[in-house]
């Protein structure tokens, strides 16, 4: 089933995954700023692993939700293309 809008769960997952990726990127490169063997490095490493597993769970949830819900159709883009060139919009509608 396809729809013209994303569900609130899909939007939540999108922005949560974005935030987790940015946070994990910061943890990865922030660890290099600390001296080797510092106790804080172990904490950062454990946080990195924990949030990485959380990220994997959210990705799995997003894939399952996308398989059940479907993805957004791009009819607006097809309408724009049909205004540019009359036959192009019809070709696009058959593939959306």
C-alpha atoms as a PDB file:
ATOM      1  CA  UNK A   1       0.000   0.000   0.000  1.00  0.00           C
ATOM      2  CA  UNK A   2       1.385   3.372  -0.969  1.00  0.00           C
ATOM      3  CA  UNK A   3       0.407   6.803   0.209  1.00  0.00           C
ATOM      4  CA  UNK A   4       1.238  10.412  -0.557  1.00  0.00           C
ATOM      5  CA  UNK A   5       2.369  11.126   3.010  1.00  0.00           C
ATOM      6  CA  UNK A   6       4.752   9.566   5.472  1.00  0.00           C
ATOM      7  CA  UNK A   7       3.360   8.336   8.781  1.00  0.00           C
ATOM      8  CA  UNK A   8       4.436   9.957  12.022  1.00  0.00           C
ATOM      9  CA  UNK A   9       6.364   6.763  12.865  1.00  0.00           C
ATOM     10  CA  UNK A  10       8.308   7.004   9.594  1.00  0.00           C
ATOM     11  CA  UNK A  11       9.131  10.668  10.275  1.00  0.00           C
ATOM     12  CA  UNK A  12      10.192   9.837  13.830  1.00  0.00           C
ATOM     13  CA  UNK A  13      12.448   7.034  12.621  1.00  0.00           C
ATOM     14  CA  UNK A  14      13.979   9.221   9.928  1.00  0.00           C
ATOM     15  CA  UNK A  15      15.002  11.998  12.316  1.00  0.00           C
ATOM     16  CA  UNK A  16      16.003   9.607  15.106  1.00  0.00           C
ATOM     17  CA  UNK A  17      18.308   7.750  12.737  1.00  0.00           C
ATOM     18  CA  UNK A  18      19.783  11.053  11.578  1.00  0.00           C
ATOM     19  CA  UNK A  19      20.427  12.150  15.171  1.00  0.00           C
ATOM     20  CA  UNK A  20      21.941   8.776  16.121  1.00  0.00           C
ATOM     21  CA  UNK A  21      24.290   8.790  13.128  1.00  0.00           C
ATOM     22  CA  UNK A  22      25.499  12.315  13.950  1.00  0.00           C
ATOM     23  CA  UNK A  23      25.911  11.392  17.638  1.00  0.00           C
ATOM     24  CA  UNK A  24      27.836   8.199  16.824  1.00  0.00           C
ATOM     25  CA  UNK A  25      30.037  10.116  14.399  1.00  0.00           C
ATOM     26  CA  UNK A  26      30.813  12.592  17.186  1.00  0.00           C
ATOM     27  CA  UNK A  27      31.597   9.775  19.623  1.00  0.00           C
ATOM     28  CA  UNK A  28      33.908   8.107  17.126  1.00  0.00           C
ATOM     29  CA  UNK A  29      35.986  11.174  16.419  1.00  0.00           C
ATOM     30  CA  UNK A  30      35.680  12.647  19.911  1.00  0.00           C
ATOM     31  CA  UNK A  31      37.412   9.598  21.339  1.00  0.00           C
ATOM     32  CA  UNK A  32      40.595  10.560  19.489  1.00  0.00           C
ATOM     33  CA  UNK A  33      40.795  13.779  21.503  1.00  0.00           C
ATOM     34  CA  UNK A  34      41.327  11.861  24.754  1.00  0.00           C
ATOM     35  CA  UNK A  35      44.628  10.262  25.804  1.00  0.00           C
ATOM     36  CA  UNK A  36      44.980   6.504  25.366  1.00  0.00           C
ATOM     37  CA  UNK A  37      44.144   4.451  28.426  1.00  0.00           C
ATOM     38  CA  UNK A  38      41.956   7.119  30.006  1.00  0.00           C
ATOM     39  CA  UNK A  39      38.874   5.680  31.772  1.00  0.00           C
ATOM     40  CA  UNK A  40      36.660   7.990  29.748  1.00  0.00           C
ATOM     41  CA  UNK A  41      37.692   6.200  26.543  1.00  0.00           C
ATOM     42  CA  UNK A  42      36.162   2.960  27.849  1.00  0.00           C
ATOM     43  CA  UNK A  43      32.910   4.761  28.632  1.00  0.00           C
ATOM     44  CA  UNK A  44      32.836   6.321  25.172  1.00  0.00           C
ATOM     45  CA  UNK A  45      33.523   2.922  23.588  1.00  0.00           C
ATOM     46  CA  UNK A  46      30.636   1.313  25.525  1.00  0.00           C
ATOM     47  CA  UNK A  47      28.334   4.196  24.583  1.00  0.00           C
ATOM     48  CA  UNK A  48      29.366   3.812  20.964  1.00  0.00           C
ATOM     49  CA  UNK A  49      28.519   0.107  20.980  1.00  0.00           C
ATOM     50  CA  UNK A  50      25.218   0.625  22.829  1.00  0.00           C
ATOM     51  CA  UNK A  51      24.005   3.405  20.549  1.00  0.00           C
ATOM     52  CA  UNK A  52      25.222   1.446  17.497  1.00  0.00           C
ATOM     53  CA  UNK A  53      23.000  -1.461  18.531  1.00  0.00           C
ATOM     54  CA  UNK A  54      20.136   0.971  19.064  1.00  0.00           C
ATOM     55  CA  UNK A  55      20.773   2.354  15.577  1.00  0.00           C
ATOM     56  CA  UNK A  56      20.657  -1.177  14.122  1.00  0.00           C
ATOM     57  CA  UNK A  57      17.318  -1.798  15.859  1.00  0.00           C
ATOM     58  CA  UNK A  58      15.849   1.439  14.497  1.00  0.00           C
ATOM     59  CA  UNK A  59      17.091   0.615  10.981  1.00  0.00           C
ATOM     60  CA  UNK A  60      15.423  -2.798  11.192  1.00  0.00           C
ATOM     61  CA  UNK A  61      12.214  -1.171  12.457  1.00  0.00           C
ATOM     62  CA  UNK A  62      12.320   1.329   9.592  1.00  0.00           C
ATOM     63  CA  UNK A  63      12.832  -1.399   6.978  1.00  0.00           C
ATOM     64  CA  UNK A  64       9.947  -3.456   8.371  1.00  0.00           C
ATOM     65  CA  UNK A  65       7.677  -0.413   8.579  1.00  0.00           C
ATOM     66  CA  UNK A  66       8.556   0.576   5.030  1.00  0.00           C
ATOM     67  CA  UNK A  67       7.767  -2.948   3.841  1.00  0.00           C
ATOM     68  CA  UNK A  68       4.370  -2.848   5.556  1.00  0.00           C
ATOM     69  CA  UNK A  69       3.429   0.776   4.926  1.00  0.00           C
ATOM     70  CA  UNK A  70       5.178   1.321   1.622  1.00  0.00           C
ATOM     71  CA  UNK A  71       6.871   4.466   0.466  1.00  0.00           C
ATOM     72  CA  UNK A  72       5.651   7.853  -0.568  1.00  0.00           C
ATOM     73  CA  UNK A  73       4.622   8.263  -4.183  1.00  0.00           C
ATOM     74  CA  UNK A  74       5.922  11.205  -6.105  1.00  0.00           C
ATOM     75  CA  UNK A  75       2.837  12.352  -7.963  1.00  0.00           C
ATOM     76  CA  UNK A  76       3.603  16.040  -7.407  1.00  0.00           C
ATOM     77  CA  UNK A  77       6.909  15.650  -9.228  1.00  0.00           C
ATOM     78  CA  UNK A  78       5.107  13.803 -12.029  1.00  0.00           C
ATOM     79  CA  UNK A  79       2.594  16.623 -12.358  1.00  0.00           C
ATOM     80  CA  UNK A  80       5.449  19.114 -12.609  1.00  0.00           C
ATOM     81  CA  UNK A  81       7.071  17.016 -15.341  1.00  0.00           C
ATOM     82  CA  UNK A  82       3.813  16.845 -17.273  1.00  0.00           C
ATOM     83  CA  UNK A  83       3.697  20.636 -17.273  1.00  0.00           C
ATOM     84  CA  UNK A  84       7.198  20.768 -18.744  1.00  0.00           C
ATOM     85  CA  UNK A  85       6.499  18.200 -21.417  1.00  0.00           C
ATOM     86  CA  UNK A  86       3.006  16.714 -21.907  1.00  0.00           C
ATOM     87  CA  UNK A  87       3.997  13.083 -22.548  1.00  0.00           C
ATOM     88  CA  UNK A  88       6.549  12.929 -19.752  1.00  0.00           C
ATOM     89  CA  UNK A  89       3.978  13.194 -16.959  1.00  0.00           C
ATOM     90  CA  UNK A  90       1.993  10.232 -18.290  1.00  0.00           C
ATOM     91  CA  UNK A  91       5.158   8.144 -18.499  1.00  0.00           C
ATOM     92  CA  UNK A  92       5.994   9.079 -14.903  1.00  0.00           C
ATOM     93  CA  UNK A  93       2.498   8.296 -13.576  1.00  0.00           C
ATOM     94  CA  UNK A  94       2.674   4.752 -14.896  1.00  0.00           C
ATOM     95  CA  UNK A  95       5.868   4.160 -12.919  1.00  0.00           C
ATOM     96  CA  UNK A  96       4.936   5.816  -9.595  1.00  0.00           C
END
